[in-house]
N, C-alpha and C. Protein backbone atom coordinates (compact mmCIF):
# COMPACT_ATOMS: atom_id res chain seq x y z
N MET A 1 1.10 1.96 17.88
CA MET A 1 -0.05 1.72 17.50
C MET A 1 -0.80 0.53 15.99
N ASN A 2 -0.57 -0.28 17.19
CA ASN A 2 -0.74 -1.33 15.34
C ASN A 2 -2.89 -2.08 16.26
N GLU A 3 -3.26 -2.50 14.96
CA GLU A 3 -4.49 -3.20 15.27
C GLU A 3 -5.10 -3.14 14.43
N ARG A 4 -5.77 -4.65 14.02
CA ARG A 4 -5.91 -5.05 13.10
C ARG A 4 -7.19 -5.95 13.15
N THR A 5 -8.22 -5.62 12.23
CA THR A 5 -9.66 -5.74 12.61
C THR A 5 -10.31 -5.73 10.95
N THR A 6 -11.55 -6.94 10.82
CA THR A 6 -11.77 -7.35 9.93
C THR A 6 -13.49 -6.65 10.02
N THR A 7 -13.77 -6.26 8.92
CA THR A 7 -15.36 -5.77 9.49
C THR A 7 -16.35 -7.54 8.33
N ALA A 8 -15.61 -8.21 7.18
CA ALA A 8 -16.40 -9.28 6.58
C ALA A 8 -14.90 -9.95 6.39
N PRO A 9 -15.19 -11.39 5.64
CA PRO A 9 -15.13 -12.26 5.45
C PRO A 9 -14.19 -12.14 4.53
N VAL A 10 -14.06 -11.07 3.63
CA VAL A 10 -13.49 -10.42 1.79
C VAL A 10 -12.65 -8.83 2.43
N THR A 11 -12.73 -8.57 3.88
CA THR A 11 -12.57 -7.46 4.10
C THR A 11 -11.65 -7.15 4.82
N LEU A 12 -9.86 -6.81 5.27
CA LEU A 12 -9.06 -5.92 5.63
C LEU A 12 -9.25 -4.54 6.16
N THR A 13 -8.80 -4.36 7.31
CA THR A 13 -9.06 -3.38 8.03
C THR A 13 -7.89 -3.25 8.91
N MET A 14 -6.58 -2.45 8.02
CA MET A 14 -5.70 -2.19 9.15
C MET A 14 -4.99 -0.39 9.56
N ARG A 15 -4.61 -0.61 11.06
CA ARG A 15 -4.31 0.66 11.81
C ARG A 15 -3.20 1.05 11.76
N ARG A 16 -2.54 2.24 11.52
CA ARG A 16 -1.01 2.25 11.87
C ARG A 16 -0.62 3.80 12.17
N ILE A 17 0.31 4.59 13.28
CA ILE A 17 0.34 4.98 13.34
C ILE A 17 1.78 5.51 13.06
N PHE A 18 2.43 6.73 11.89
CA PHE A 18 3.54 6.76 11.73
C PHE A 18 4.00 9.09 12.12
N ARG A 19 4.98 8.32 12.51
CA ARG A 19 5.30 9.78 12.94
C ARG A 19 6.24 10.57 12.11
N ALA A 20 5.05 11.36 11.09
CA ALA A 20 5.83 12.05 10.08
C ALA A 20 3.87 12.59 9.49
N SER A 21 4.16 14.03 8.49
CA SER A 21 3.10 14.50 8.58
C SER A 21 1.88 13.68 7.61
N ARG A 22 0.80 14.08 7.87
CA ARG A 22 0.07 12.88 6.53
C ARG A 22 0.14 13.09 5.86
N THR A 23 0.92 14.83 4.92
CA THR A 23 1.08 14.69 3.58
C THR A 23 2.70 13.74 3.15
N ARG A 24 2.93 14.10 4.15
CA ARG A 24 4.82 12.51 3.92
C ARG A 24 3.96 11.36 3.27
N VAL A 25 3.17 11.29 4.14
CA VAL A 25 2.31 9.64 4.08
C VAL A 25 1.49 9.97 3.50
N PHE A 26 0.70 10.44 2.94
CA PHE A 26 0.09 11.11 1.05
C PHE A 26 1.16 9.97 0.73
N ASP A 27 1.71 11.37 0.12
CA ASP A 27 2.51 11.81 -1.00
C ASP A 27 3.67 9.96 -0.80
N ALA A 28 4.39 9.05 -0.27
CA ALA A 28 4.84 8.41 -0.08
C ALA A 28 3.85 7.30 -0.87
N TRP A 29 2.75 7.48 -1.07
CA TRP A 29 1.63 6.14 -1.45
C TRP A 29 1.11 6.39 -2.62
N ILE A 30 1.81 8.10 -3.68
CA ILE A 30 2.06 8.44 -5.18
C ILE A 30 3.25 8.97 -6.10
N ASP A 31 4.32 8.66 -4.83
CA ASP A 31 5.78 9.23 -5.29
C ASP A 31 6.09 7.72 -5.96
N ALA A 32 6.25 7.65 -7.42
CA ALA A 32 6.90 6.79 -7.78
C ALA A 32 8.11 6.01 -7.33
N ASP A 33 9.00 7.53 -7.21
CA ASP A 33 10.73 6.82 -6.43
C ASP A 33 10.13 6.23 -5.02
N LEU A 34 9.19 7.27 -4.19
CA LEU A 34 9.02 6.69 -2.75
C LEU A 34 8.70 5.20 -2.62
N LEU A 35 7.58 5.21 -3.24
CA LEU A 35 6.84 3.52 -3.68
C LEU A 35 7.91 2.62 -4.43
N ARG A 36 8.91 2.50 -4.20
CA ARG A 36 10.40 2.04 -4.58
C ARG A 36 10.30 1.46 -3.54
N ARG A 37 10.83 2.46 -2.45
CA ARG A 37 11.68 2.09 -2.00
C ARG A 37 11.09 1.45 -0.06
N TRP A 38 9.26 1.31 -0.49
CA TRP A 38 8.98 0.15 0.61
C TRP A 38 7.55 -0.37 -0.07
N LEU A 39 7.19 -0.25 -1.06
CA LEU A 39 6.22 -1.01 -1.62
C LEU A 39 6.76 -2.33 -1.66
N ALA A 40 7.63 -3.70 -1.25
CA ALA A 40 7.55 -4.74 -1.15
C ALA A 40 7.44 -5.38 0.14
N PRO A 41 6.93 -6.22 0.54
CA PRO A 41 7.09 -6.55 1.77
C PRO A 41 8.58 -7.50 1.91
N GLY A 42 9.41 -7.85 2.73
CA GLY A 42 9.79 -8.38 3.66
C GLY A 42 11.22 -8.69 2.87
N ALA A 43 11.84 -9.60 2.43
CA ALA A 43 12.97 -9.25 1.92
C ALA A 43 13.49 -9.00 0.51
N MET A 44 11.38 -8.72 -0.24
CA MET A 44 11.46 -8.34 -1.52
C MET A 44 12.00 -7.14 -1.38
N SER A 45 12.21 -6.13 -3.05
CA SER A 45 12.29 -5.25 -3.49
C SER A 45 11.24 -4.88 -4.81
N VAL A 46 11.42 -2.68 -4.86
CA VAL A 46 10.94 -3.25 -5.90
C VAL A 46 11.49 -2.81 -6.88
N ALA A 47 11.29 -3.53 -8.00
CA ALA A 47 12.83 -3.63 -9.12
C ALA A 47 12.18 -2.28 -9.45
N GLN A 48 10.45 -1.71 -10.36
CA GLN A 48 10.05 -0.83 -10.97
C GLN A 48 9.09 -0.95 -10.83
N ALA A 49 8.78 1.15 -10.30
CA ALA A 49 7.38 2.03 -9.50
C ALA A 49 6.91 2.77 -11.14
N ALA A 50 5.96 2.21 -11.77
CA ALA A 50 5.30 3.82 -12.27
C ALA A 50 3.97 4.45 -11.03
N ALA A 51 3.74 5.86 -11.31
CA ALA A 51 2.41 6.24 -10.89
C ALA A 51 1.99 7.58 -12.07
N ASP A 52 1.04 7.36 -11.99
CA ASP A 52 0.91 8.55 -12.77
C ASP A 52 -0.80 8.93 -12.01
N PRO A 53 -0.50 9.94 -10.34
CA PRO A 53 -1.12 10.42 -9.11
C PRO A 53 -2.79 11.67 -9.58
N ARG A 54 -3.91 10.51 -10.35
CA ARG A 54 -4.40 11.20 -10.95
C ARG A 54 -5.63 10.16 -11.36
N VAL A 55 -7.15 10.85 -11.08
CA VAL A 55 -8.07 10.50 -11.15
C VAL A 55 -8.17 9.63 -12.22
N GLY A 56 -8.52 7.76 -12.57
CA GLY A 56 -8.07 7.40 -13.82
C GLY A 56 -6.80 7.31 -14.09
N GLY A 57 -6.10 7.39 -13.66
CA GLY A 57 -4.25 7.69 -13.26
C GLY A 57 -4.32 6.29 -13.58
N LYS A 58 -2.81 5.43 -13.82
CA LYS A 58 -2.52 4.02 -13.97
C LYS A 58 -1.24 4.07 -12.69
N TYR A 59 -1.35 3.19 -11.59
CA TYR A 59 0.05 2.21 -11.46
C TYR A 59 0.87 1.22 -11.74
N GLN A 60 2.12 0.69 -11.66
CA GLN A 60 2.25 -0.52 -11.86
C GLN A 60 3.70 -0.33 -10.75
N ILE A 61 3.46 -1.97 -9.97
CA ILE A 61 4.75 -2.00 -9.33
C ILE A 61 4.95 -3.22 -9.75
N THR A 62 6.65 -3.71 -9.87
CA THR A 62 6.73 -4.93 -10.19
C THR A 62 7.91 -4.99 -8.71
N MET A 63 7.86 -5.64 -8.24
CA MET A 63 8.26 -6.35 -6.72
C MET A 63 8.78 -7.91 -6.83
N LEU A 64 10.38 -8.03 -6.97
CA LEU A 64 11.71 -8.99 -7.11
C LEU A 64 11.61 -9.43 -5.91
N ASP A 65 11.59 -10.67 -5.74
CA ASP A 65 11.33 -11.53 -4.56
C ASP A 65 13.05 -11.69 -4.97
N THR A 66 13.44 -12.82 -3.14
CA THR A 66 14.60 -12.74 -3.45
C THR A 66 15.77 -14.04 -4.11
N ASP A 67 14.64 -15.00 -4.78
CA ASP A 67 14.75 -15.60 -5.93
C ASP A 67 14.79 -15.74 -6.96
N GLY A 68 14.69 -14.26 -7.71
CA GLY A 68 14.60 -13.70 -8.96
C GLY A 68 13.93 -13.51 -9.37
N GLU A 69 12.29 -13.52 -8.88
CA GLU A 69 11.20 -14.16 -9.65
C GLU A 69 10.30 -13.13 -9.57
N ARG A 70 9.89 -12.40 -10.64
CA ARG A 70 9.24 -11.15 -10.34
C ARG A 70 8.02 -10.96 -10.27
N VAL A 71 6.84 -10.38 -9.30
CA VAL A 71 5.74 -9.81 -9.27
C VAL A 71 5.40 -8.85 -9.60
N VAL A 72 3.76 -8.75 -9.91
CA VAL A 72 3.89 -7.23 -10.44
C VAL A 72 2.02 -7.30 -10.15
N VAL A 73 1.52 -5.80 -9.55
CA VAL A 73 1.22 -5.31 -9.32
C VAL A 73 0.46 -3.80 -9.56
N GLY A 74 -0.90 -4.29 -10.04
CA GLY A 74 -1.35 -2.23 -10.36
C GLY A 74 -3.18 -2.04 -10.22
N GLY A 75 -3.23 -0.97 -10.93
CA GLY A 75 -3.85 -0.75 -10.84
C GLY A 75 -4.61 0.52 -11.49
N THR A 76 -5.46 1.15 -11.03
CA THR A 76 -6.13 2.66 -11.55
C THR A 76 -6.66 3.66 -9.90
N TYR A 77 -5.90 4.91 -10.03
CA TYR A 77 -6.65 6.00 -9.29
C TYR A 77 -7.83 6.07 -9.16
N ARG A 78 -8.65 5.94 -8.07
CA ARG A 78 -10.06 6.17 -8.10
C ARG A 78 -10.97 7.44 -7.45
N GLU A 79 -9.91 7.28 -6.43
CA GLU A 79 -10.24 9.28 -5.40
C GLU A 79 -8.90 9.51 -5.17
N ILE A 80 -8.35 10.98 -5.34
CA ILE A 80 -7.33 11.57 -4.88
C ILE A 80 -7.41 12.62 -4.08
N ASP A 81 -7.45 12.18 -2.86
CA ASP A 81 -8.14 14.22 -1.90
C ASP A 81 -6.99 14.14 -1.42
N ARG A 82 -5.51 14.45 -1.65
CA ARG A 82 -4.62 14.93 -0.98
C ARG A 82 -4.77 15.40 -0.05
N PRO A 83 -4.27 15.77 1.57
CA PRO A 83 -3.61 14.87 1.55
C PRO A 83 -4.60 13.59 3.08
N SER A 84 -5.99 13.78 3.05
CA SER A 84 -5.99 13.15 3.65
C SER A 84 -7.32 11.87 2.77
N ARG A 85 -7.40 11.53 1.40
CA ARG A 85 -7.44 9.91 1.01
C ARG A 85 -6.88 9.77 0.01
N LEU A 86 -7.04 8.80 -0.16
CA LEU A 86 -6.52 7.44 -1.44
C LEU A 86 -7.08 6.15 -1.42
N SER A 87 -7.86 6.04 -3.42
CA SER A 87 -8.50 4.89 -3.07
C SER A 87 -7.88 4.04 -4.80
N MET A 88 -7.41 3.23 -4.17
CA MET A 88 -6.94 2.78 -6.29
C MET A 88 -7.37 0.80 -5.97
N THR A 89 -7.94 0.74 -6.93
CA THR A 89 -7.95 -0.82 -7.73
C THR A 89 -6.60 -1.24 -6.96
N TRP A 90 -6.76 -2.90 -7.21
CA TRP A 90 -5.27 -3.61 -6.63
C TRP A 90 -5.84 -4.76 -7.76
N GLU A 91 -4.61 -5.38 -8.58
CA GLU A 91 -4.00 -6.69 -9.32
C GLU A 91 -3.64 -7.08 -9.80
N TRP A 92 -3.93 -8.28 -9.12
CA TRP A 92 -2.23 -8.62 -9.46
C TRP A 92 -1.87 -9.61 -11.10
N VAL A 93 -0.78 -8.81 -11.74
CA VAL A 93 -0.26 -9.86 -13.24
C VAL A 93 0.04 -10.84 -12.87
N SER A 94 -0.49 -12.03 -12.96
CA SER A 94 0.15 -14.11 -12.35
C SER A 94 -0.64 -14.05 -13.86
N ASP A 95 -0.03 -15.25 -13.89
CA ASP A 95 -0.37 -17.06 -14.53
C ASP A 95 -1.64 -17.43 -13.85
N GLU A 96 -1.68 -17.31 -12.33
CA GLU A 96 -2.26 -18.25 -11.51
C GLU A 96 -4.06 -16.85 -11.25
N PRO A 97 -5.07 -18.35 -11.55
CA PRO A 97 -6.49 -17.72 -12.04
C PRO A 97 -7.07 -16.65 -10.30
N GLN A 98 -6.63 -17.25 -9.87
CA GLN A 98 -7.05 -16.68 -8.29
C GLN A 98 -6.38 -15.57 -8.14
N ARG A 99 -5.47 -15.22 -8.10
CA ARG A 99 -4.94 -13.83 -7.95
C ARG A 99 -5.38 -12.48 -9.32
N HIS A 100 -6.84 -12.92 -10.63
CA HIS A 100 -7.05 -11.86 -10.70
C HIS A 100 -8.05 -11.68 -10.36
N ASN A 101 -8.10 -10.73 -9.61
CA ASN A 101 -9.50 -10.54 -8.56
C ASN A 101 -9.21 -8.94 -8.39
N GLU A 102 -9.88 -8.18 -8.77
CA GLU A 102 -9.71 -6.78 -8.79
C GLU A 102 -10.44 -6.63 -7.67
N THR A 103 -9.24 -5.77 -6.94
CA THR A 103 -9.76 -5.82 -5.20
C THR A 103 -9.46 -4.04 -5.31
N LEU A 104 -9.79 -3.99 -3.85
CA LEU A 104 -9.77 -1.79 -3.28
C LEU A 104 -9.12 -1.40 -2.40
N VAL A 105 -8.21 -0.40 -2.52
CA VAL A 105 -7.77 -0.29 -1.00
C VAL A 105 -7.76 1.27 -0.92
N THR A 106 -8.35 1.41 0.05
CA THR A 106 -9.33 3.01 -0.10
C THR A 106 -8.00 3.26 1.49
N ILE A 107 -7.23 4.11 1.09
CA ILE A 107 -6.16 4.44 2.93
C ILE A 107 -7.24 6.29 2.89
N GLU A 108 -7.22 6.65 4.77
CA GLU A 108 -7.56 7.75 5.20
C GLU A 108 -6.27 7.74 6.01
N PHE A 109 -6.06 9.24 6.11
CA PHE A 109 -4.47 9.99 6.07
C PHE A 109 -5.38 11.43 7.81
N ILE A 110 -4.98 10.33 8.43
CA ILE A 110 -5.63 11.20 10.18
C ILE A 110 -4.65 11.95 10.54
N GLU A 111 -5.07 13.37 10.62
CA GLU A 111 -3.93 13.75 11.81
C GLU A 111 -4.11 14.05 12.71
N ARG A 112 -2.61 13.44 13.65
CA ARG A 112 -3.22 13.59 15.07
C ARG A 112 -1.58 13.98 15.46
N GLY A 113 -1.63 14.91 15.61
CA GLY A 113 -1.11 16.01 15.89
C GLY A 113 0.56 16.24 14.96
N ASP A 114 1.69 15.31 15.61
CA ASP A 114 3.06 15.01 14.66
C ASP A 114 2.77 14.19 14.26
N GLU A 115 1.87 13.61 14.56
CA GLU A 115 1.63 11.90 13.61
C GLU A 115 0.28 11.95 13.09
N THR A 116 0.45 10.85 12.04
CA THR A 116 -0.98 10.76 10.99
C THR A 116 -0.90 8.92 11.87
N GLU A 117 -2.17 9.10 11.70
CA GLU A 117 -2.32 7.60 11.90
C GLU A 117 -3.40 7.01 9.83
N MET A 118 -3.30 6.09 10.25
CA MET A 118 -3.53 5.92 8.83
C MET A 118 -4.37 4.53 8.83
N LEU A 119 -5.45 4.65 7.99
CA LEU A 119 -6.25 3.59 7.46
C LEU A 119 -6.67 3.31 6.68
N LEU A 120 -6.31 1.54 6.56
CA LEU A 120 -6.43 1.01 5.14
C LEU A 120 -7.19 -0.15 5.30
N THR A 121 -8.20 0.36 3.82
CA THR A 121 -9.48 -0.12 4.23
C THR A 121 -9.33 -1.14 3.05
N HIS A 122 -9.27 -2.83 2.42
CA HIS A 122 -9.04 -3.40 1.32
C HIS A 122 -10.20 -4.91 1.45
N THR A 123 -10.53 -4.05 0.61
CA THR A 123 -11.75 -4.84 0.08
C THR A 123 -12.38 -6.04 -1.42
N ARG A 124 -13.08 -6.38 -0.61
CA ARG A 124 -12.98 -7.39 -2.65
C ARG A 124 -12.44 -8.74 -2.88
N PHE A 125 -12.18 -9.07 -1.43
CA PHE A 125 -11.10 -10.60 -1.23
C PHE A 125 -12.01 -11.38 -1.81
N ALA A 126 -11.42 -12.80 -3.13
CA ALA A 126 -12.24 -13.51 -2.99
C ALA A 126 -12.63 -14.40 -1.69
N ASP A 127 -11.32 -14.46 -1.39
CA ASP A 127 -11.41 -15.74 0.09
C ASP A 127 -11.03 -14.99 1.00
N THR A 128 -10.68 -15.76 2.16
CA THR A 128 -10.71 -15.28 3.41
C THR A 128 -9.08 -16.08 2.81
N THR A 129 -8.30 -16.58 2.47
CA THR A 129 -6.68 -17.05 2.09
C THR A 129 -6.50 -15.56 2.12
N MET A 130 -6.52 -15.74 0.33
CA MET A 130 -6.38 -14.07 -0.26
C MET A 130 -5.75 -12.97 0.43
N ARG A 131 -7.25 -12.88 1.63
CA ARG A 131 -7.46 -11.37 2.50
C ARG A 131 -6.01 -11.47 3.76
N ASP A 132 -6.20 -12.81 4.22
CA ASP A 132 -4.95 -13.20 5.16
C ASP A 132 -3.54 -13.24 4.92
N ARG A 133 -3.01 -13.27 3.14
CA ARG A 133 -1.96 -13.59 2.35
C ARG A 133 -1.29 -11.97 1.73
N HIS A 134 -3.06 -11.08 1.46
CA HIS A 134 -2.80 -10.01 2.00
C HIS A 134 -2.44 -8.67 3.45
N GLU A 135 -2.63 -9.30 4.26
CA GLU A 135 -2.59 -8.41 5.86
C GLU A 135 -0.97 -9.06 5.92
N HIS A 136 -0.37 -10.14 5.76
CA HIS A 136 1.17 -10.29 5.67
C HIS A 136 1.36 -9.49 4.60
N GLY A 137 1.40 -9.31 3.67
CA GLY A 137 2.09 -8.42 2.38
C GLY A 137 2.31 -7.20 2.87
N TRP A 138 0.75 -6.66 3.24
CA TRP A 138 0.89 -5.11 3.53
C TRP A 138 1.59 -4.68 4.75
N THR A 139 1.43 -5.71 6.35
CA THR A 139 2.56 -5.40 7.43
C THR A 139 3.86 -5.44 6.80
N GLY A 140 4.38 -6.05 6.25
CA GLY A 140 5.83 -6.20 6.45
C GLY A 140 6.05 -5.11 5.14
N CYS A 141 5.33 -4.41 4.34
CA CYS A 141 5.76 -2.71 3.91
C CYS A 141 5.49 -1.86 4.46
N PHE A 142 4.47 -2.33 5.78
CA PHE A 142 4.30 -0.86 6.70
C PHE A 142 6.18 -0.48 7.46
N VAL A 143 6.40 -2.03 7.29
CA VAL A 143 7.90 -2.22 8.57
C VAL A 143 8.95 -0.59 7.38
N LYS A 144 8.32 -0.86 6.29
CA LYS A 144 9.75 -0.41 4.99
C LYS A 144 8.58 0.91 5.12
N LEU A 145 7.54 0.83 5.54
CA LEU A 145 7.33 2.65 4.57
C LEU A 145 7.84 3.32 6.02
N VAL A 146 7.75 2.92 7.47
CA VAL A 146 7.74 3.59 8.95
C VAL A 146 9.60 4.35 8.11
N ALA A 147 10.83 3.17 7.61
CA ALA A 147 11.57 3.10 7.72
C ALA A 147 11.81 4.41 7.56
N LEU A 148 11.08 3.80 6.24
CA LEU A 148 10.93 5.71 5.30
C LEU A 148 10.56 6.85 5.95
N LEU A 149 10.12 6.36 6.53
CA LEU A 149 9.32 8.19 7.03
C LEU A 149 10.87 8.22 8.46
N GLU A 150 11.14 7.76 8.61
CA GLU A 150 12.01 8.20 9.80
C GLU A 150 12.76 7.96 9.06
N SER A 151 14.04 7.90 8.13
CA SER A 151 15.24 8.98 7.31
C SER A 151 14.34 9.67 6.46
N GLU A 152 12.93 10.10 5.70
CA GLU A 152 13.07 11.44 5.22
C GLU A 152 12.88 12.21 6.48
N GLU A 153 12.90 12.05 7.54
CA GLU A 153 12.42 13.23 8.77
C GLU A 153 13.59 13.61 9.26
N THR A 154 14.83 12.72 9.02
CA THR A 154 16.32 12.61 9.86
C THR A 154 16.54 14.01 8.40
N THR A 155 16.13 13.71 7.15
CA THR A 155 16.84 14.35 6.40
C THR A 155 15.98 15.87 5.54
N ALA A 156 15.10 16.02 6.48
CA ALA A 156 14.06 16.94 5.15
C ALA A 156 14.63 18.28 6.13
């Protein structure tokens, strides 16, 4: 099930179903080793990932584009209720002023038998262009998250 709705011009809501327990899906969001394997869209890769998964703890992801350009995002964990809910700020580290907008990502993990429904709500965008760029990025990341969870299922 892939569904996208927007609740306001500056909010993005995305739902995905994963064939994995909600603990496994939740952990993919807070474990730096797992983040390295999926949190970069498309052909990008994660060069570095750091996570201090506690309320007030920080995380930082350095993505590497195919041309060698580094893109860095980071933030602070606001809520950690394992395995049902996670909330964190999201801000790009960039020389581009339009990217210096702290947004908020909240993820709910809902058990659906042997699957997990993930509801991502990303709020506080400066405009619809930034919201739409993030939708594209998240979509690319979720493709990798599916692959990670499927590979983890076969080795678990």
